[in-house]
Amino acid sequence: MRYIDLRFAQIRDEAGLPGELSVHALRHTYVTNLIEWGYAEKFVQDQVGHAYASTTAIYTSVGDDFKNRMISQALSRIYGGNHADDSHT
């Protein structure tokens, strides 16, 4: 894995991309995107090879838009109506 990290850093630097971008950051982004796109938790866990869902949960850092959408959907289920559109006003 060390070789991959070093090679990725070399290519990243040559491309002029920010130093914060790493293979590990891409892994976090991949997991977060799968979660936000609605893939099943077990599928995401299998994709990254984690034995426990709690390990995968550490990788997730969903965005505010996703959080707001999930809250709106939950409120709609509880109270009825279409709260999903309220987040865009």
N, C-alpha and C. Protein backbone atom coordinates (compact mmCIF):
# COMPACT_ATOMS: atom_id res chain seq x y z
N MET A 1 0.83 -1.19 0.00
CA MET A 1 0.00 0.00 0.00
C MET A 1 0.88 1.26 0.00
N ARG A 2 2.01 1.17 0.60
CA ARG A 2 2.91 2.33 0.65
C ARG A 2 3.27 2.80 -0.76
N TYR A 3 3.53 1.84 -1.66
CA TYR A 3 3.89 2.19 -3.03
C TYR A 3 2.74 2.94 -3.70
N ILE A 4 1.52 2.46 -3.50
CA ILE A 4 0.35 3.10 -4.11
C ILE A 4 0.21 4.54 -3.60
N ASP A 5 0.38 4.72 -2.29
CA ASP A 5 0.29 6.07 -1.71
C ASP A 5 1.35 7.00 -2.31
N LEU A 6 2.57 6.50 -2.41
CA LEU A 6 3.65 7.32 -2.95
C LEU A 6 3.44 7.64 -4.43
N ARG A 7 3.03 6.65 -5.18
CA ARG A 7 2.79 6.86 -6.61
C ARG A 7 1.62 7.82 -6.84
N PHE A 8 0.55 7.64 -6.05
CA PHE A 8 -0.59 8.54 -6.16
C PHE A 8 -0.17 9.98 -5.84
N ALA A 9 0.62 10.16 -4.79
CA ALA A 9 1.09 11.49 -4.41
C ALA A 9 1.92 12.12 -5.53
N GLN A 10 2.74 11.33 -6.18
CA GLN A 10 3.56 11.83 -7.29
C GLN A 10 2.66 12.31 -8.44
N ILE A 11 1.70 11.49 -8.82
CA ILE A 11 0.79 11.85 -9.92
C ILE A 11 -0.06 13.06 -9.53
N ARG A 12 -0.55 13.08 -8.29
CA ARG A 12 -1.34 14.21 -7.79
C ARG A 12 -0.54 15.51 -7.87
N ASP A 13 0.69 15.46 -7.42
CA ASP A 13 1.53 16.66 -7.43
C ASP A 13 1.83 17.11 -8.86
N GLU A 14 2.09 16.17 -9.74
CA GLU A 14 2.35 16.50 -11.14
C GLU A 14 1.13 17.15 -11.80
N ALA A 15 -0.06 16.74 -11.35
CA ALA A 15 -1.30 17.28 -11.90
C ALA A 15 -1.69 18.61 -11.23
N GLY A 16 -0.95 19.00 -10.20
CA GLY A 16 -1.23 20.25 -9.52
C GLY A 16 -2.44 20.20 -8.61
N LEU A 17 -2.80 19.00 -8.15
CA LEU A 17 -3.94 18.85 -7.25
C LEU A 17 -3.52 19.11 -5.81
N PRO A 18 -4.48 19.43 -4.94
CA PRO A 18 -4.15 19.75 -3.55
C PRO A 18 -3.50 18.58 -2.82
N GLY A 19 -2.59 18.89 -1.93
CA GLY A 19 -1.88 17.88 -1.16
C GLY A 19 -2.77 17.07 -0.24
N GLU A 20 -3.95 17.59 0.11
CA GLU A 20 -4.86 16.87 0.99
C GLU A 20 -5.49 15.66 0.30
N LEU A 21 -5.47 15.66 -1.04
CA LEU A 21 -6.04 14.56 -1.79
C LEU A 21 -5.14 13.33 -1.65
N SER A 22 -5.72 12.25 -1.17
CA SER A 22 -4.96 11.01 -0.97
C SER A 22 -5.82 9.82 -1.37
N VAL A 23 -5.20 8.67 -1.44
CA VAL A 23 -5.95 7.45 -1.73
C VAL A 23 -6.99 7.24 -0.64
N HIS A 24 -6.62 7.50 0.59
CA HIS A 24 -7.54 7.35 1.71
C HIS A 24 -8.72 8.31 1.59
N ALA A 25 -8.46 9.55 1.15
CA ALA A 25 -9.54 10.52 0.95
C ALA A 25 -10.48 10.04 -0.15
N LEU A 26 -9.95 9.44 -1.20
CA LEU A 26 -10.79 8.89 -2.26
C LEU A 26 -11.66 7.75 -1.74
N ARG A 27 -11.10 6.95 -0.87
CA ARG A 27 -11.86 5.84 -0.26
C ARG A 27 -13.04 6.39 0.55
N HIS A 28 -12.78 7.42 1.34
CA HIS A 28 -13.85 8.05 2.12
C HIS A 28 -14.92 8.61 1.19
N THR A 29 -14.50 9.26 0.12
CA THR A 29 -15.44 9.84 -0.84
C THR A 29 -16.29 8.76 -1.49
N TYR A 30 -15.66 7.66 -1.85
CA TYR A 30 -16.37 6.54 -2.47
C TYR A 30 -17.47 6.02 -1.54
N VAL A 31 -17.12 5.76 -0.28
CA VAL A 31 -18.09 5.26 0.69
C VAL A 31 -19.21 6.27 0.89
N THR A 32 -18.86 7.54 1.04
CA THR A 32 -19.86 8.58 1.25
C THR A 32 -20.81 8.66 0.06
N ASN A 33 -20.28 8.62 -1.15
CA ASN A 33 -21.13 8.68 -2.34
C ASN A 33 -22.06 7.48 -2.42
N LEU A 34 -21.57 6.30 -2.14
CA LEU A 34 -22.44 5.12 -2.18
C LEU A 34 -23.59 5.27 -1.19
N ILE A 35 -23.29 5.75 0.01
CA ILE A 35 -24.33 5.96 1.02
C ILE A 35 -25.33 7.01 0.53
N GLU A 36 -24.84 8.14 0.03
CA GLU A 36 -25.72 9.21 -0.42
C GLU A 36 -26.56 8.81 -1.63
N TRP A 37 -26.05 7.91 -2.44
CA TRP A 37 -26.78 7.46 -3.63
C TRP A 37 -27.76 6.35 -3.29
N GLY A 38 -27.82 5.95 -2.02
CA GLY A 38 -28.83 5.01 -1.57
C GLY A 38 -28.47 3.54 -1.64
N TYR A 39 -27.20 3.23 -1.82
CA TYR A 39 -26.80 1.82 -1.83
C TYR A 39 -26.97 1.23 -0.43
N ALA A 40 -27.29 -0.05 -0.38
CA ALA A 40 -27.49 -0.74 0.89
C ALA A 40 -26.19 -0.73 1.70
N GLU A 41 -26.35 -0.61 3.01
CA GLU A 41 -25.18 -0.56 3.90
C GLU A 41 -24.30 -1.80 3.75
N LYS A 42 -24.91 -2.96 3.60
CA LYS A 42 -24.14 -4.21 3.45
C LYS A 42 -23.33 -4.18 2.15
N PHE A 43 -23.92 -3.65 1.08
CA PHE A 43 -23.20 -3.53 -0.19
C PHE A 43 -21.97 -2.64 -0.01
N VAL A 44 -22.14 -1.50 0.65
CA VAL A 44 -21.03 -0.57 0.87
C VAL A 44 -19.96 -1.24 1.72
N GLN A 45 -20.37 -1.91 2.77
CA GLN A 45 -19.43 -2.62 3.63
C GLN A 45 -18.63 -3.64 2.84
N ASP A 46 -19.30 -4.40 1.98
CA ASP A 46 -18.61 -5.40 1.15
C ASP A 46 -17.66 -4.74 0.16
N GLN A 47 -18.04 -3.60 -0.40
CA GLN A 47 -17.21 -2.91 -1.38
C GLN A 47 -15.85 -2.53 -0.81
N VAL A 48 -15.83 -2.12 0.45
CA VAL A 48 -14.56 -1.69 1.04
C VAL A 48 -13.91 -2.77 1.90
N GLY A 49 -14.54 -3.95 1.94
CA GLY A 49 -13.92 -5.10 2.60
C GLY A 49 -13.88 -5.04 4.11
N HIS A 50 -14.86 -4.41 4.71
CA HIS A 50 -14.90 -4.34 6.17
C HIS A 50 -15.67 -5.52 6.74
N ALA A 51 -15.17 -6.09 7.82
CA ALA A 51 -15.85 -7.19 8.49
C ALA A 51 -17.05 -6.70 9.29
N TYR A 52 -16.99 -5.45 9.76
CA TYR A 52 -18.04 -4.92 10.62
C TYR A 52 -18.61 -3.62 10.06
N ALA A 53 -19.92 -3.47 10.15
CA ALA A 53 -20.59 -2.25 9.67
C ALA A 53 -20.10 -1.03 10.45
N SER A 54 -19.74 -1.22 11.70
CA SER A 54 -19.27 -0.09 12.51
C SER A 54 -17.97 0.50 11.95
N THR A 55 -17.15 -0.33 11.33
CA THR A 55 -15.93 0.17 10.69
C THR A 55 -16.28 1.03 9.49
N THR A 56 -17.23 0.58 8.69
CA THR A 56 -17.66 1.34 7.52
C THR A 56 -18.28 2.67 7.95
N ALA A 57 -19.00 2.66 9.05
CA ALA A 57 -19.65 3.88 9.54
C ALA A 57 -18.63 4.98 9.83
N ILE A 58 -17.43 4.59 10.25
CA ILE A 58 -16.38 5.57 10.53
C ILE A 58 -16.00 6.33 9.26
N TYR A 59 -16.11 5.68 8.11
CA TYR A 59 -15.71 6.27 6.83
C TYR A 59 -16.74 7.26 6.29
N THR A 60 -17.95 7.19 6.75
CA THR A 60 -19.00 8.00 6.15
C THR A 60 -19.02 9.40 6.73
N SER A 61 -19.14 10.35 5.86
CA SER A 61 -19.28 11.75 6.28
C SER A 61 -20.19 12.43 5.26
N VAL A 62 -21.45 12.10 5.34
CA VAL A 62 -22.40 12.59 4.35
C VAL A 62 -22.55 14.11 4.45
N GLY A 63 -22.93 14.71 3.33
CA GLY A 63 -23.07 16.15 3.25
C GLY A 63 -24.37 16.66 3.85
N ASP A 64 -24.43 17.96 4.04
CA ASP A 64 -25.61 18.58 4.62
C ASP A 64 -26.86 18.38 3.76
N ASP A 65 -26.72 18.43 2.44
CA ASP A 65 -27.88 18.21 1.57
C ASP A 65 -28.48 16.83 1.81
N PHE A 66 -27.63 15.84 1.93
CA PHE A 66 -28.11 14.48 2.18
C PHE A 66 -28.79 14.40 3.54
N LYS A 67 -28.17 14.98 4.56
CA LYS A 67 -28.77 14.96 5.90
C LYS A 67 -30.14 15.62 5.89
N ASN A 68 -30.23 16.79 5.25
CA ASN A 68 -31.51 17.49 5.19
C ASN A 68 -32.56 16.69 4.44
N ARG A 69 -32.16 16.04 3.36
CA ARG A 69 -33.10 15.21 2.59
C ARG A 69 -33.60 14.04 3.44
N MET A 70 -32.72 13.40 4.20
CA MET A 70 -33.13 12.28 5.04
C MET A 70 -34.07 12.73 6.15
N ILE A 71 -33.79 13.89 6.74
CA ILE A 71 -34.67 14.42 7.78
C ILE A 71 -36.04 14.74 7.19
N SER A 72 -36.07 15.35 6.01
CA SER A 72 -37.35 15.67 5.36
C SER A 72 -38.14 14.41 5.05
N GLN A 73 -37.46 13.38 4.58
CA GLN A 73 -38.16 12.13 4.28
C GLN A 73 -38.72 11.49 5.55
N ALA A 74 -37.95 11.55 6.63
CA ALA A 74 -38.43 10.99 7.89
C ALA A 74 -39.64 11.77 8.40
N LEU A 75 -39.59 13.09 8.31
CA LEU A 75 -40.73 13.91 8.74
C LEU A 75 -41.96 13.62 7.89
N SER A 76 -41.77 13.41 6.60
CA SER A 76 -42.89 13.09 5.71
C SER A 76 -43.53 11.76 6.10
N ARG A 77 -42.70 10.80 6.48
CA ARG A 77 -43.24 9.51 6.90
C ARG A 77 -44.03 9.64 8.19
N ILE A 78 -43.55 10.49 9.09
CA ILE A 78 -44.19 10.63 10.39
C ILE A 78 -45.45 11.50 10.29
N TYR A 79 -45.33 12.65 9.65
CA TYR A 79 -46.40 13.64 9.65
C TYR A 79 -47.17 13.74 8.34
N GLY A 80 -46.71 13.04 7.31
CA GLY A 80 -47.36 13.13 6.02
C GLY A 80 -46.96 14.39 5.31
N GLY A 81 -47.48 14.58 4.14
CA GLY A 81 -47.12 15.79 3.38
C GLY A 81 -45.83 15.60 2.63
N ASN A 82 -45.39 16.68 2.00
CA ASN A 82 -44.19 16.63 1.16
C ASN A 82 -43.16 17.59 1.71
N HIS A 83 -42.47 17.18 2.78
CA HIS A 83 -41.44 18.01 3.39
C HIS A 83 -40.16 18.02 2.57
N ALA A 84 -40.02 17.10 1.63
CA ALA A 84 -38.78 17.01 0.84
C ALA A 84 -38.54 18.28 0.06
N ASP A 85 -39.61 18.97 -0.37
CA ASP A 85 -39.45 20.20 -1.12
C ASP A 85 -39.13 21.39 -0.24
N ASP A 86 -39.39 21.27 1.07
CA ASP A 86 -39.16 22.39 1.99
C ASP A 86 -37.69 22.76 2.11
N SER A 87 -36.78 21.83 1.87
CA SER A 87 -35.35 22.11 2.02
C SER A 87 -34.83 23.02 0.91
N HIS A 88 -35.62 23.23 -0.15
CA HIS A 88 -35.16 24.04 -1.27
C HIS A 88 -35.69 25.46 -1.21
N THR A 89 -36.41 25.82 -0.15
CA THR A 89 -36.97 27.16 -0.07
C THR A 89 -36.13 28.06 0.77
